């Protein structure tokens, strides 16, 4: 994640979109990379205020390392009613940390915090992780699955070039009741399998990309009760702002695109996403 961080902090965000008429939720963001500051900084407060100005009044701040997961908790503590936290070791982080067990112990401790409502992002990434490290990655994923069930909180999955292995691991270990595929990247066939299993599919700005017809087919299939929308800020800014610094304020752009693809009203879809977030993560208060 560090390399991605360095590449993203110098970019500028895209223009703010037209506000939604219904307040909704960004289900997955990394504000520490958007701002490169402390949770209490004016820069973070501005990102949150900009999002609220366009109808995004809540967000889930998601962990990818032991240290950064602590940052997530501090942000959620500092913004009650607005931010909830998820904590985990990212699948690219887990195989390379000096002491995996020590870091997992930190995640287990943070997982019991009342502002932490999910374990993530964990999962498998066979794009960036070399084959020799994959067993360690799978081990970490299984530990996170068990932790989510133990603390009875949602599981947030990062899945890149590992669709079958992720699905098979969930079957092997037993998926938590609330299992979310963050930044869904599969096709329609995989979406059907996930829907049948009761998993939640969360769509990011990638669904707007010209080279993503499979995602657009998949998003049309997802029942309202299994749909979330996210930015994955600061990554994956939606069209027409692809390449800019992404922020939670871009949720309306993604929602409008999905609503058009599905033939639905964008404000009704905003309500659906908000209701689903409350059901999956609990109250933001």
Protein backbone atom coordinates (compact mmCIF):
# COMPACT_ATOMS: atom_id res chain seq x y z
CA UNK A 1 0.00 0.00 0.00
CA UNK A 2 2.90 2.38 0.60
CA UNK A 3 3.79 2.61 -3.09
CA UNK A 4 0.20 3.38 -4.01
CA UNK A 5 0.13 6.01 -1.26
CA UNK A 6 3.13 7.83 -2.70
CA UNK A 7 1.62 7.84 -6.17
CA UNK A 8 -1.71 9.31 -5.04
CA UNK A 9 -1.07 12.10 -2.56
CA UNK A 10 0.02 14.65 -5.20
CA UNK A 11 -3.12 14.38 -7.35
CA UNK A 12 -6.05 16.79 -7.11
CA UNK A 13 -9.68 15.76 -6.56
CA UNK A 14 -12.24 16.08 -9.32
CA UNK A 15 -15.01 18.70 -9.19
CA UNK A 16 -17.88 18.13 -6.77
CA UNK A 17 -20.90 16.51 -8.42
CA UNK A 18 -24.49 17.68 -8.22
CA UNK A 19 -25.81 16.89 -4.72
CA UNK A 20 -28.13 13.97 -4.08
CA UNK A 21 -31.54 14.68 -2.60
CA UNK A 22 -31.16 11.80 -0.13
CA UNK A 23 -28.20 11.37 2.22
CA UNK A 24 -26.27 8.16 1.74
CA UNK A 25 -23.06 6.30 2.67
CA UNK A 26 -19.62 5.68 1.20
CA UNK A 27 -19.10 2.04 2.19
CA UNK A 28 -15.32 2.00 1.75
CA UNK A 29 -12.75 4.82 1.96
CA UNK A 30 -9.14 5.45 3.01
CA UNK A 31 -9.07 9.06 4.16
CA UNK A 32 -5.54 8.85 5.55
CA UNK A 33 -4.26 8.39 2.00
CA UNK A 34 -6.53 11.13 0.64
CA UNK A 35 -5.09 13.66 3.08
CA UNK A 36 -1.79 12.22 4.40
CA UNK A 37 -2.60 13.82 7.76
CA UNK A 38 -3.86 12.96 11.24
CA UNK A 39 -7.50 12.04 11.92
CA UNK A 40 -8.02 15.39 13.65
CA UNK A 41 -6.62 17.52 10.82
CA UNK A 42 -8.51 20.28 8.96
CA UNK A 43 -7.78 18.43 5.73
CA UNK A 44 -9.75 15.38 6.88
CA UNK A 45 -12.60 17.59 8.11
CA UNK A 46 -12.78 19.26 4.70
CA UNK A 47 -13.00 15.94 2.85
CA UNK A 48 -15.87 14.93 5.12
CA UNK A 49 -17.59 18.32 4.74
CA UNK A 50 -17.27 18.20 0.95
CA UNK A 51 -18.89 14.77 0.93
CA UNK A 52 -21.78 15.95 3.10
CA UNK A 53 -22.33 18.94 0.81
CA UNK A 54 -23.24 16.55 -2.04
CA UNK A 55 -25.33 14.12 0.04
CA UNK A 56 -22.77 11.69 1.48
CA UNK A 57 -22.99 12.20 5.23
CA UNK A 58 -21.47 8.92 6.47
CA UNK A 59 -18.54 6.70 5.52
CA UNK A 60 -16.72 3.54 6.51
CA UNK A 61 -12.99 4.09 6.99
CA UNK A 62 -11.23 0.82 6.13
CA UNK A 63 -8.00 -0.68 7.47
CA UNK A 64 -5.12 -2.33 5.64
CA UNK A 65 -2.32 -2.53 8.27
CA UNK A 66 -1.98 -2.67 12.03
CA UNK A 67 -0.83 0.95 12.32
CA UNK A 68 -3.31 2.33 9.83
CA UNK A 69 -6.18 0.34 11.41
CA UNK A 70 -5.47 2.24 14.62
CA UNK A 71 -5.77 5.45 12.54
CA UNK A 72 -9.19 4.22 11.37
CA UNK A 73 -10.37 3.76 14.95
CA UNK A 74 -9.15 7.22 15.92
CA UNK A 75 -10.99 8.75 12.97
CA UNK A 76 -14.22 6.97 13.93
CA UNK A 77 -13.82 8.19 17.51
CA UNK A 78 -13.25 11.77 16.32
CA UNK A 79 -16.30 11.82 14.02
CA UNK A 80 -19.18 10.11 15.85
CA UNK A 81 -22.30 9.96 13.76
CA UNK A 82 -20.24 10.19 10.57
CA UNK A 83 -17.47 7.56 10.50
CA UNK A 84 -17.30 3.87 11.38
CA UNK A 85 -14.13 1.81 11.15
CA UNK A 86 -13.02 -1.50 9.70
CA UNK A 87 -9.70 -3.07 10.72
CA UNK A 88 -7.51 -5.68 9.04
CA UNK A 89 -4.26 -6.57 7.33
CA UNK A 90 -4.55 -6.10 3.58
CA UNK A 91 -3.75 -9.29 1.62
CA UNK A 92 -0.67 -7.59 0.16
CA UNK A 93 0.42 -6.47 3.62
CA UNK A 94 -0.01 -9.74 5.52
CA UNK A 95 2.64 -11.82 3.71
CA UNK A 96 5.42 -9.23 4.11
CA UNK A 97 5.07 -7.83 7.65
CA UNK A 98 7.99 -8.71 9.97
CA UNK A 99 5.75 -10.41 12.54
CA UNK A 100 2.37 -11.53 11.19
CA UNK A 101 1.16 -12.96 14.50
CA UNK A 102 1.95 -9.72 16.34
CA UNK A 103 0.05 -7.68 13.78
CA UNK A 104 -2.89 -10.09 13.82
CA UNK A 105 -2.99 -9.70 17.61
CA UNK A 106 -3.31 -5.93 17.17
CA UNK A 107 -6.18 -6.40 14.72
CA UNK A 108 -7.89 -8.80 17.14
CA UNK A 109 -7.64 -6.20 19.91
CA UNK A 110 -8.96 -3.37 17.72
CA UNK A 111 -11.80 -5.59 16.45
CA UNK A 112 -13.59 -5.34 19.80
CA UNK A 113 -13.71 -1.54 19.76
CA UNK A 114 -17.32 -0.29 19.63
CA UNK A 115 -16.64 2.00 16.63
CA UNK A 116 -15.21 -0.93 14.65
CA UNK A 117 -18.03 -2.57 12.70
CA UNK A 118 -16.18 -4.69 10.15
CA UNK A 119 -13.07 -6.79 9.64
CA UNK A 120 -11.42 -5.66 6.44
CA UNK A 121 -10.04 -5.25 4.05
CA UNK A 122 -8.77 -8.79 3.99
CA UNK A 123 -8.88 -11.40 1.25
CA UNK A 124 -6.62 -12.57 -1.56
CA UNK A 125 -4.66 -10.70 -4.21
CA UNK A 126 -2.88 -12.90 -6.72
CA UNK A 127 -2.04 -9.89 -8.91
CA UNK A 128 0.49 -8.28 -6.57
CA UNK A 129 1.51 -11.19 -4.33
CA UNK A 130 4.06 -13.63 -5.71
CA UNK A 131 3.16 -17.30 -5.64
CA UNK A 132 5.68 -18.12 -2.89
CA UNK A 133 3.81 -15.84 -0.46
CA UNK A 134 0.27 -16.94 -1.25
CA UNK A 135 -0.02 -19.58 1.47
CA UNK A 136 0.76 -16.92 4.06
CA UNK A 137 -1.85 -14.67 2.47
CA UNK A 138 -4.45 -17.43 2.56
CA UNK A 139 -3.61 -18.11 6.22
CA UNK A 140 -4.16 -14.44 7.08
CA UNK A 141 -7.46 -14.41 5.19
CA UNK A 142 -8.70 -17.42 7.14
CA UNK A 143 -7.72 -15.80 10.44
CA UNK A 144 -9.69 -12.68 9.51
CA UNK A 145 -12.73 -14.75 8.53
CA UNK A 146 -12.70 -16.46 11.90
CA UNK A 147 -12.24 -13.14 13.68
CA UNK A 148 -15.25 -11.62 11.91
CA UNK A 149 -17.38 -14.52 13.07
CA UNK A 150 -15.99 -14.34 16.58
CA UNK A 151 -16.80 -10.65 17.05
CA UNK A 152 -19.97 -10.92 14.95
CA UNK A 153 -19.05 -8.13 12.57
CA UNK A 154 -19.07 -7.81 8.78
CA UNK A 155 -16.22 -9.17 6.66
CA UNK A 156 -14.87 -6.86 3.93
CA UNK A 157 -13.08 -8.75 1.16
CA UNK A 158 -10.40 -7.55 -1.24
CA UNK A 159 -10.38 -9.92 -4.23
CA UNK A 160 -8.01 -9.36 -7.12
CA UNK A 161 -7.30 -12.10 -9.66
CA UNK A 162 -8.31 -14.67 -7.04
CA UNK A 163 -12.06 -15.09 -7.52
CA UNK A 164 -12.26 -18.87 -7.31
CA UNK A 165 -9.84 -19.14 -4.40
CA UNK A 166 -11.73 -16.49 -2.42
CA UNK A 167 -15.08 -18.19 -2.97
CA UNK A 168 -13.65 -21.61 -2.15
CA UNK A 169 -11.98 -20.31 1.02
CA UNK A 170 -15.27 -18.83 2.21
CA UNK A 171 -16.93 -22.21 1.64
CA UNK A 172 -14.12 -24.05 3.39
CA UNK A 173 -13.95 -21.84 6.50
CA UNK A 174 -17.59 -20.76 6.55
CA UNK A 175 -18.49 -17.22 5.58
CA UNK A 176 -19.69 -14.73 8.21
CA UNK A 177 -23.35 -13.78 8.06
CA UNK A 178 -22.37 -10.38 6.63
CA UNK A 179 -19.80 -10.87 3.86
CA UNK A 180 -19.00 -7.94 1.56
CA UNK A 181 -17.04 -8.06 -1.69
CA UNK A 182 -15.39 -4.63 -1.73
CA UNK A 183 -14.84 -3.05 -5.15
CA UNK A 184 -16.50 -6.00 -6.83
CA UNK A 185 -14.38 -7.10 -9.79
CA UNK A 186 -16.02 -10.29 -11.00
CA UNK A 187 -18.35 -10.93 -13.92
CA UNK A 188 -22.08 -11.67 -14.06
CA UNK A 189 -21.57 -15.40 -13.50
CA UNK A 190 -19.62 -14.78 -10.31
CA UNK A 191 -22.19 -12.21 -9.23
CA UNK A 192 -24.92 -14.84 -9.48
CA UNK A 193 -22.87 -17.20 -7.32
CA UNK A 194 -22.31 -14.47 -4.73
CA UNK A 195 -25.98 -13.47 -4.76
CA UNK A 196 -27.04 -17.08 -4.22
CA UNK A 197 -24.63 -17.31 -1.27
CA UNK A 198 -26.08 -14.16 0.30
CA UNK A 199 -22.95 -12.06 -0.12
CA UNK A 200 -23.02 -8.27 -0.51
CA UNK A 201 -21.51 -6.73 -3.64
CA UNK A 202 -20.05 -3.23 -3.32
CA UNK A 203 -19.38 -1.33 -6.54
CA UNK A 204 -16.77 1.40 -6.96
CA UNK A 205 -15.85 3.84 -9.73
CA UNK A 206 -14.55 0.97 -11.84
CA UNK A 207 -18.13 0.25 -12.92
CA UNK A 208 -18.02 3.53 -14.90
CA UNK A 209 -14.84 2.66 -16.82
CA UNK A 210 -15.21 2.02 -20.54
CA UNK A 211 -13.26 -1.24 -20.28
CA UNK A 212 -15.60 -2.74 -17.64
CA UNK A 213 -18.68 -4.13 -19.47
CA UNK A 214 -18.66 -7.22 -17.23
CA UNK A 215 -19.11 -5.03 -14.14
CA UNK A 216 -22.04 -3.25 -15.74
CA UNK A 217 -23.71 -6.58 -16.46
CA UNK A 218 -23.06 -7.71 -12.90
CA UNK A 219 -24.43 -4.57 -11.23
CA UNK A 220 -27.77 -5.03 -13.03
CA UNK A 221 -28.23 -8.42 -11.35
CA UNK A 222 -27.74 -7.48 -7.71
CA UNK A 223 -30.90 -7.32 -5.56
CA UNK A 224 -31.37 -4.13 -3.59
CA UNK A 225 -30.71 -5.94 -0.32
CA UNK A 226 -27.23 -7.05 -1.48
CA UNK A 227 -25.94 -3.79 -2.98
CA UNK A 228 -23.45 -1.24 -1.65
CA UNK A 229 -21.60 1.63 -3.34
CA UNK A 230 -18.13 2.89 -2.43
CA UNK A 231 -15.34 5.13 -3.64
CA UNK A 232 -12.27 3.23 -2.37
CA UNK A 233 -10.85 6.74 -1.98
CA UNK A 234 -8.31 7.90 -3.04
CA UNK A 235 -8.22 5.27 -5.79
CA UNK A 236 -10.46 4.58 -8.80
CA UNK A 237 -12.09 7.96 -9.36
CA UNK A 238 -15.14 7.45 -11.61
CA UNK A 239 -15.55 8.77 -15.11
CA UNK A 240 -15.35 11.53 -16.20
CA UNK A 241 -12.76 12.21 -13.47
CA UNK A 242 -10.69 9.07 -13.89
CA UNK A 243 -7.10 9.78 -12.89
CA UNK A 244 -7.98 12.44 -10.31
CA UNK A 245 -7.74 12.01 -6.55
CA UNK A 246 -10.89 10.19 -5.50
CA UNK A 247 -12.87 11.28 -2.42
CA UNK A 248 -16.17 10.22 -0.79
CA UNK A 249 -17.82 13.20 -2.54
CA UNK A 250 -17.76 11.16 -5.77
CA UNK A 251 -20.41 8.70 -4.52
CA UNK A 252 -23.20 10.62 -6.35
CA UNK A 253 -21.33 10.19 -9.65
CA UNK A 254 -21.09 6.43 -9.15
CA UNK A 255 -24.67 6.16 -7.93
CA UNK A 256 -26.04 8.08 -10.90
CA UNK A 257 -24.18 5.81 -13.29
CA UNK A 258 -25.44 2.64 -11.57
CA UNK A 259 -29.00 3.99 -11.41
CA UNK A 260 -28.96 4.64 -15.15
CA UNK A 261 -27.60 1.16 -15.87
CA UNK A 262 -30.31 -0.40 -13.69
CA UNK A 263 -33.09 1.89 -14.90
CA UNK A 264 -33.77 3.16 -11.38
CA UNK A 265 -34.17 6.48 -9.60
CA UNK A 266 -30.86 7.65 -8.15
CA UNK A 267 -32.40 8.94 -4.92
CA UNK A 268 -34.20 5.66 -4.30
CA UNK A 269 -30.90 3.89 -4.87
CA UNK A 270 -29.25 6.26 -2.38
CA UNK A 271 -31.87 5.20 0.19
CA UNK A 272 -31.20 1.54 -0.55
CA UNK A 273 -27.46 1.96 -0.02
CA UNK A 274 -28.00 3.90 3.20
CA UNK A 275 -30.41 1.29 4.56
CA UNK A 276 -28.05 -1.55 3.66
CA UNK A 277 -25.11 0.20 5.34
CA UNK A 278 -27.12 0.61 8.54
CA UNK A 279 -28.12 -3.05 8.46
CA UNK A 280 -24.57 -4.26 7.82
CA UNK A 281 -22.58 -1.88 10.01
CA UNK A 282 -25.13 -0.63 12.54
CA UNK A 283 -25.82 2.92 13.64
CA UNK A 284 -23.21 5.56 12.87
CA UNK A 285 -24.17 7.47 16.04
